[in-house]
Structures are given as C-alpha cells and as structure tokens.
Amino acid sequence: MKKIVCIALALMMVLGLCACSGGTTAMDLSAANNLKDLSGARIAAQSGTFHADAMSQIPEVKSSTLPEFADLLTALQSGTIDGYIAEEPTAIEVCLGDSSLDYIHLVNNDTGFTATDADVGIAVGLNTGNPLKDQINTILAEISTETRMQLMDQMVHISAGETVAELALTSIAPIEPEGTLKVGMECAYAPFNWTDMSSPSLGAVPISSQGSEGMYANGYDVQIAQYIANKLNMKLEIYAITWDGLLPAVQSGSVDAIIAGMSPTAEREEEIDFTDVYYSSNLVVIYKKK
C-alpha cells in the first residue's frame, strides 16, 4: 500500500509540473557548458537542499522543487522539466541506468555554481555537543582520499546493478558490540544511499525502521556508517527517514547520527554539529538527450 501511495503522489506532482509548464517544448541542454547557457531552462531540485539554493544562480531559471529526489528523475523523463541538479556521482549512476540521459559538467566556482567546500562536501551530522564527534573525526582521518574515491566508484556501479568482488573500505565487525549506533538516511539517493528491495547487494545492511522488514540499505553513506560503527565497537542500525525529518530525528535522539549525503552548510550548523567532510563533489545538471 505504501508503494502505491508514493507512486500516486509522484504522479500528482509530475502532473502539477505539467500544468505549470504550460506544455513548453523541452529545451536542448546538450551544448551547455556554463550557467548562462541554462538561462530560461526549466530546472528542478530537491527541496530543503543546497541544490535548491544553488538553482537560483542560473539566470532567468524556471525553477521548481520536489520533496523526493526520485521524483526529479520522473519529471525529467516525462518532459516536464529540462534538467535537475545533483552531485556528480549521482549523475553517473543515473546515466549508467538510462542511456537517454546525460549531465552537464559544471565545475564549482569556475564554469558552474559558486559553492563553498561545506556546500559541496558531505559530513556526519550529530546532535549539538555529542562527544562522538571527535572520535568519528579520528576514524574518518584514517580513510585515504584514494580509498574514498574507489569506494564511491564501486557504489556507483553496484547501484547500477554491477558486481564488485570486494569493497575498497572494510573493517572487522565487533564480536561483542558496546552499544548501538543508530544512523538516519533517506535510503533513496543512490549512490550515496539506496534501498535493496529483494536480494541485498554486497555490503548492504538491514533497515531497522518499522515496516522495513526484508529491506536493506546500501551505498557510500552505508559503508561509511558501517566503518564508523565497527571502529567504535558498536552495532550499526540504519533508519530510513525523509530528508526533512533527518535534523529533527538527530535532535530528538531518535537516531545518533545523520549519514545521508548531507552538506554541513552554515544554516544547518546553527542547528546541529558536523564532523569533518568525508566526501566532496561537483554539482551537475542531469538532462535528457535529444
């Protein structure tokens, strides 16, 4: 029933976009190589993200936002938008799964979006004053840049249905865990995090949310969370939470940490603490080829 409701809501959102677009012919973005080339395009982003803020940098943009990231792909494939903003690893994963799509390489602070390191980095979110921050920073410092890049490449290909023999980042799970690390993420933003509905992919972790029996989470964030939990000698539990619900969840103590492709922006740092960045990426615009 949940799936049916989600699909119905997604269709309603797309129909709403259709009405707003007024049947405008899709704009060809294939030759764009800077923000000015996107002037007048119908560009969308997930609400509540830096992507949505960055969208305003495009001249004369016809902007829109949707609450779920998957809805952006639906809107693009239906022709109701010309493109949407994402991180480059997500664009690579999406394009591997659909050869009709491509993305514009917009280098941060060069031909593309003006963004700080915090804007385009992702970090672990913790409730203000959580003593785990320093411990997690020490653990993250152990992971080399090369390993981080290799792991992301593996997650891109695994999420696209390919097989990997062994993950680039591994650690020994504790035999007798000292507590549980509860981590919140959307489980819907590949390759950072996604849901395996049937057979779990390499490195997948069961989702502990109520009603998620038989579902597994995997992705770059999941592997980082597993590595952190193992090094802390704790058991990992993953909870699927909507994007807007992540900050309230960690503030209320429902989860101990957010590991969900979340950028430590200045606005968010007013509400919660963040560790050091554990991945950085360029912002891109995904579009449909003509």
Protein backbone atom coordinates (compact mmCIF):
# COMPACT_ATOMS: atom_id res chain seq x y z
CA MET A 1 0.00 0.00 0.00
CA LYS A 2 2.85 2.40 0.87
CA LYS A 3 4.38 1.94 -2.59
CA ILE A 4 1.02 2.64 -4.29
CA VAL A 5 0.54 5.84 -2.30
CA CYS A 6 4.09 7.04 -3.09
CA ILE A 7 3.61 6.36 -6.80
CA ALA A 8 0.29 8.20 -6.79
CA LEU A 9 1.84 11.20 -5.05
CA ALA A 10 4.72 11.26 -7.51
CA LEU A 11 2.31 11.23 -10.44
CA MET A 12 0.31 14.07 -8.90
CA MET A 13 3.49 16.14 -8.51
CA VAL A 14 4.51 15.49 -12.11
CA LEU A 15 1.02 16.42 -13.33
CA GLY A 16 1.31 19.62 -11.31
CA LEU A 17 4.57 20.41 -13.06
CA CYS A 18 2.91 19.73 -16.41
CA ALA A 19 0.24 22.29 -15.62
CA CYS A 20 2.84 24.86 -14.58
CA SER A 21 4.98 24.27 -17.67
CA GLY A 22 2.09 25.01 -19.96
CA GLY A 23 3.24 22.46 -22.49
CA THR A 24 6.52 24.28 -23.17
CA THR A 25 8.81 22.44 -25.60
CA ALA A 26 11.77 20.85 -23.84
CA MET A 27 14.96 22.89 -24.06
CA ASP A 28 18.05 21.22 -25.51
CA LEU A 29 20.80 21.43 -22.88
CA SER A 30 23.35 19.24 -24.66
CA ALA A 31 25.58 22.17 -25.70
CA ALA A 32 25.52 23.95 -22.32
CA ASN A 33 28.86 24.37 -20.57
CA ASN A 34 28.17 27.14 -18.08
CA LEU A 35 25.29 28.57 -16.06
CA LYS A 36 24.47 31.27 -18.63
CA ASP A 37 23.78 28.55 -21.20
CA LEU A 38 20.97 27.31 -18.93
CA SER A 39 19.16 30.64 -18.99
CA GLY A 40 15.41 30.14 -19.34
CA ALA A 41 15.56 26.37 -18.76
CA ARG A 42 13.12 24.52 -16.51
CA ILE A 43 15.45 23.27 -13.78
CA ALA A 44 14.37 21.44 -10.63
CA ALA A 45 15.99 20.39 -7.35
CA GLN A 46 15.07 18.55 -4.18
CA SER A 47 13.51 20.89 -1.65
CA GLY A 48 15.45 21.60 1.53
CA THR A 49 18.84 21.01 -0.10
CA PHE A 50 21.72 23.23 -1.19
CA HIS A 51 20.79 22.16 -4.74
CA ALA A 52 17.61 24.21 -4.42
CA ASP A 53 19.59 27.24 -3.21
CA ALA A 54 22.18 26.85 -5.98
CA MET A 55 19.44 26.74 -8.60
CA SER A 56 18.84 30.47 -8.09
CA GLN A 57 22.30 31.15 -9.56
CA ILE A 58 21.07 30.18 -13.03
CA PRO A 59 20.00 33.32 -14.99
CA GLU A 60 16.25 33.53 -15.66
CA VAL A 61 15.78 29.95 -14.48
CA LYS A 62 12.27 28.49 -14.42
CA SER A 63 12.79 26.73 -11.11
CA SER A 64 10.78 24.15 -9.20
CA THR A 65 11.38 21.83 -6.25
CA LEU A 66 10.14 18.38 -5.31
CA PRO A 67 10.35 16.73 -1.87
CA GLU A 68 11.75 13.36 -3.03
CA PHE A 69 14.85 13.01 -5.18
CA ALA A 70 13.34 10.16 -7.22
CA ASP A 71 10.53 12.49 -8.31
CA LEU A 72 13.07 14.63 -10.18
CA LEU A 73 14.00 11.75 -12.47
CA THR A 74 10.32 11.02 -13.08
CA ALA A 75 9.72 14.66 -14.01
CA LEU A 76 12.71 14.71 -16.37
CA GLN A 77 11.70 11.50 -18.13
CA SER A 78 8.15 12.79 -18.57
CA GLY A 79 9.42 16.02 -20.15
CA THR A 80 8.01 18.38 -17.54
CA ILE A 81 11.47 19.74 -16.69
CA ASP A 82 14.61 20.23 -18.78
CA GLY A 83 17.04 19.13 -16.10
CA TYR A 84 17.71 18.79 -12.39
CA ILE A 85 20.62 19.44 -10.05
CA ALA A 86 22.58 16.63 -8.39
CA GLU A 87 26.06 15.64 -7.28
CA GLU A 88 28.26 14.13 -9.98
CA PRO A 89 28.30 10.56 -8.52
CA THR A 90 24.50 10.52 -8.63
CA ALA A 91 24.55 11.73 -12.23
CA ILE A 92 26.97 8.98 -13.22
CA GLU A 93 24.75 6.35 -11.56
CA VAL A 94 21.57 7.66 -13.19
CA CYS A 95 23.17 7.82 -16.64
CA LEU A 96 24.54 4.28 -16.32
CA GLY A 97 20.97 3.10 -15.76
CA ASP A 98 19.44 5.16 -18.60
CA SER A 99 21.43 5.81 -21.80
CA SER A 100 18.97 8.53 -22.83
CA LEU A 101 20.30 10.76 -20.05
CA ASP A 102 23.50 12.76 -19.71
CA TYR A 103 24.76 15.52 -17.44
CA ILE A 104 26.49 18.87 -17.75
CA HIS A 105 29.93 19.05 -16.12
CA LEU A 106 29.70 22.37 -14.26
CA VAL A 107 32.93 22.85 -12.31
CA ASN A 108 32.30 24.51 -8.94
CA ASN A 109 33.46 28.14 -8.83
CA ASP A 110 34.65 28.03 -12.45
CA THR A 111 32.08 27.49 -15.20
CA GLY A 112 29.38 26.46 -12.74
CA PHE A 113 27.88 27.04 -9.34
CA THR A 114 29.50 29.24 -6.73
CA ALA A 115 29.86 26.91 -3.79
CA THR A 116 31.93 26.65 -0.63
CA ASP A 117 33.67 23.45 0.44
CA ALA A 118 30.92 22.96 3.02
CA ASP A 119 28.21 23.37 0.39
CA VAL A 120 29.53 20.54 -1.79
CA GLY A 121 31.03 18.35 0.93
CA ILE A 122 29.14 15.77 2.99
CA ALA A 123 29.67 15.12 6.67
CA VAL A 124 28.21 13.21 9.61
CA GLY A 125 25.52 15.16 11.44
CA LEU A 126 25.28 14.88 15.23
CA ASN A 127 23.22 16.50 17.96
CA THR A 128 24.93 19.58 19.36
CA GLY A 129 27.64 18.66 21.86
CA ASN A 130 27.68 14.94 21.03
CA PRO A 131 31.06 13.58 22.28
CA LEU A 132 31.21 11.14 19.35
CA LYS A 133 32.26 13.99 17.05
CA ASP A 134 35.97 13.86 17.90
CA GLN A 135 36.02 10.05 17.81
CA ILE A 136 34.37 9.97 14.39
CA ASN A 137 36.76 12.62 13.06
CA THR A 138 39.69 10.44 14.13
CA ILE A 139 38.13 7.46 12.33
CA LEU A 140 37.42 9.44 9.14
CA ALA A 141 41.02 10.66 9.08
CA GLU A 142 42.12 7.03 8.64
CA ILE A 143 40.37 6.79 5.26
CA SER A 144 42.62 7.95 2.42
CA THR A 145 41.37 10.08 -0.45
CA GLU A 146 42.17 7.21 -2.82
CA THR A 147 40.03 4.79 -0.80
CA ARG A 148 37.14 7.28 -0.72
CA MET A 149 37.25 7.67 -4.49
CA GLN A 150 37.49 3.91 -5.06
CA LEU A 151 34.57 3.27 -2.73
CA MET A 152 32.37 5.83 -4.48
CA ASP A 153 33.20 4.33 -7.87
CA GLN A 154 32.21 0.90 -6.54
CA MET A 155 28.95 2.20 -5.11
CA VAL A 156 28.08 3.85 -8.43
CA HIS A 157 28.48 0.54 -10.26
CA ILE A 158 26.80 -1.60 -7.59
CA SER A 159 23.75 0.68 -7.57
CA ALA A 160 23.63 0.33 -11.36
CA GLY A 161 23.38 -3.45 -10.96
CA GLU A 162 27.01 -4.42 -11.49
CA THR A 163 29.03 -6.80 -9.30
CA VAL A 164 32.06 -5.96 -7.17
CA ALA A 165 34.27 -8.68 -5.66
CA GLU A 166 35.45 -6.77 -2.58
CA LEU A 167 34.76 -3.31 -1.20
CA ALA A 168 37.56 -0.75 -1.02
CA LEU A 169 36.68 0.13 2.59
CA THR A 170 36.38 -2.74 5.06
CA SER A 171 36.68 -3.22 8.81
CA ILE A 172 36.13 -6.02 11.31
CA ALA A 173 32.71 -6.06 12.96
CA PRO A 174 32.85 -6.25 16.78
CA ILE A 175 32.14 -9.68 18.28
CA GLU A 176 30.65 -8.10 21.40
CA PRO A 177 29.40 -4.60 20.48
CA GLU A 178 29.36 -1.94 23.17
CA GLY A 179 26.10 -0.23 22.31
CA THR A 180 24.29 0.62 19.07
CA LEU A 181 24.94 3.41 16.58
CA LYS A 182 21.58 4.45 15.12
CA VAL A 183 22.04 6.21 11.78
CA GLY A 184 19.39 8.05 9.76
CA MET A 185 19.37 8.43 5.97
CA GLU A 186 16.80 8.59 3.18
CA CYS A 187 17.76 5.22 1.64
CA ALA A 188 16.69 6.84 -1.64
CA TYR A 189 19.65 8.80 -3.01
CA ALA A 190 21.94 6.46 -4.94
CA PRO A 191 24.87 6.03 -4.94
CA PHE A 192 25.08 7.69 -1.53
CA ASN A 193 22.28 5.57 -0.09
CA TRP A 194 19.52 3.41 -1.54
CA THR A 195 17.16 0.53 -0.71
CA ASP A 196 17.58 -3.06 -1.88
CA MET A 197 14.05 -4.44 -2.10
CA SER A 198 14.97 -8.10 -2.66
CA SER A 199 18.41 -9.73 -2.58
CA PRO A 200 20.89 -7.45 -0.77
CA SER A 201 23.94 -6.19 -2.67
CA LEU A 202 27.49 -6.50 -1.32
CA GLY A 203 27.83 -4.65 1.97
CA ALA A 204 24.10 -3.97 2.43
CA VAL A 205 22.70 -3.51 5.96
CA PRO A 206 19.13 -4.35 7.08
CA ILE A 207 16.90 -1.30 7.52
CA SER A 208 15.64 -1.18 11.11
CA SER A 209 12.69 1.18 10.51
CA GLN A 210 9.28 -0.21 11.37
CA GLY A 211 7.67 -1.74 8.29
CA SER A 212 11.00 -2.27 6.53
CA GLU A 213 11.35 -5.99 7.17
CA GLY A 214 13.30 -7.65 4.35
CA MET A 215 14.65 -4.31 3.09
CA TYR A 216 18.34 -3.42 3.05
CA ALA A 217 20.24 -0.14 2.75
CA ASN A 218 23.42 0.21 0.76
CA GLY A 219 25.55 2.97 -0.68
CA TYR A 220 28.55 5.14 0.10
CA ASP A 221 26.92 6.50 3.26
CA VAL A 222 26.09 2.99 4.45
CA GLN A 223 29.70 1.85 4.05
CA ILE A 224 30.99 4.92 5.89
CA ALA A 225 28.44 4.30 8.66
CA GLN A 226 29.46 0.63 8.92
CA TYR A 227 33.13 1.53 9.10
CA ILE A 228 32.50 4.11 11.83
CA ALA A 229 30.31 1.73 13.86
CA ASN A 230 32.87 -1.08 13.66
CA LYS A 231 35.70 1.22 14.73
CA LEU A 232 33.57 2.46 17.65
CA ASN A 233 32.94 -1.18 18.62
CA MET A 234 29.21 -0.63 18.14
CA LYS A 235 26.39 -2.36 16.28
CA LEU A 236 25.04 -0.40 13.30
CA GLU A 237 21.33 0.20 12.79
CA ILE A 238 20.04 2.07 9.72
CA TYR A 239 16.77 4.00 9.81
CA ALA A 240 15.04 5.25 6.66
CA ILE A 241 13.90 8.84 7.27
CA THR A 242 12.62 11.50 4.88
CA TRP A 243 15.05 14.33 4.14
CA ASP A 244 13.05 16.92 6.11
CA GLY A 245 12.89 14.55 9.07
CA LEU A 246 16.63 13.95 9.44
CA LEU A 247 17.56 17.00 11.52
CA PRO A 248 14.60 16.59 13.92
CA ALA A 249 15.46 12.89 14.29
CA VAL A 250 19.01 13.55 15.48
CA GLN A 251 17.92 16.50 17.62
CA SER A 252 15.31 14.37 19.39
CA GLY A 253 17.67 11.44 19.89
CA SER A 254 15.68 9.09 17.65
CA VAL A 255 18.98 8.49 15.82
CA ASP A 256 22.54 9.15 16.92
CA ALA A 257 23.83 10.40 13.58
CA ILE A 258 22.85 11.53 10.11
CA ILE A 259 25.00 9.93 7.41
CA ALA A 260 22.99 10.82 4.35
CA GLY A 261 24.92 12.85 1.81
CA MET A 262 24.22 15.94 3.90
CA SER A 263 26.32 19.08 3.44
CA PRO A 264 27.48 20.92 6.59
CA THR A 265 26.15 24.29 5.46
CA ALA A 266 26.28 27.31 7.76
CA GLU A 267 22.48 27.21 8.14
CA ARG A 268 22.50 23.58 9.27
CA GLU A 269 25.45 24.14 11.60
CA GLU A 270 23.22 26.51 13.57
CA GLU A 271 21.03 23.52 14.42
CA ILE A 272 23.39 20.53 14.77
CA ASP A 273 27.09 19.65 14.83
CA PHE A 274 29.00 18.16 11.90
CA THR A 275 32.16 16.11 11.65
CA ASP A 276 34.85 16.71 9.07
CA VAL A 277 33.79 16.20 5.46
CA TYR A 278 34.03 12.60 4.24
CA TYR A 279 33.32 13.24 0.54
CA SER A 280 33.24 16.23 -1.84
CA SER A 281 31.76 16.51 -5.32
CA ASN A 282 30.86 18.91 -8.12
CA LEU A 283 27.27 19.95 -8.72
CA VAL A 284 25.91 19.00 -12.15
CA VAL A 285 22.67 19.23 -14.13
CA ILE A 286 21.17 15.99 -15.43
CA TYR A 287 19.23 16.28 -18.70
CA LYS A 288 17.60 14.13 -21.36
CA LYS A 289 19.37 13.79 -24.68
CA LYS A 290 17.62 14.91 -27.87
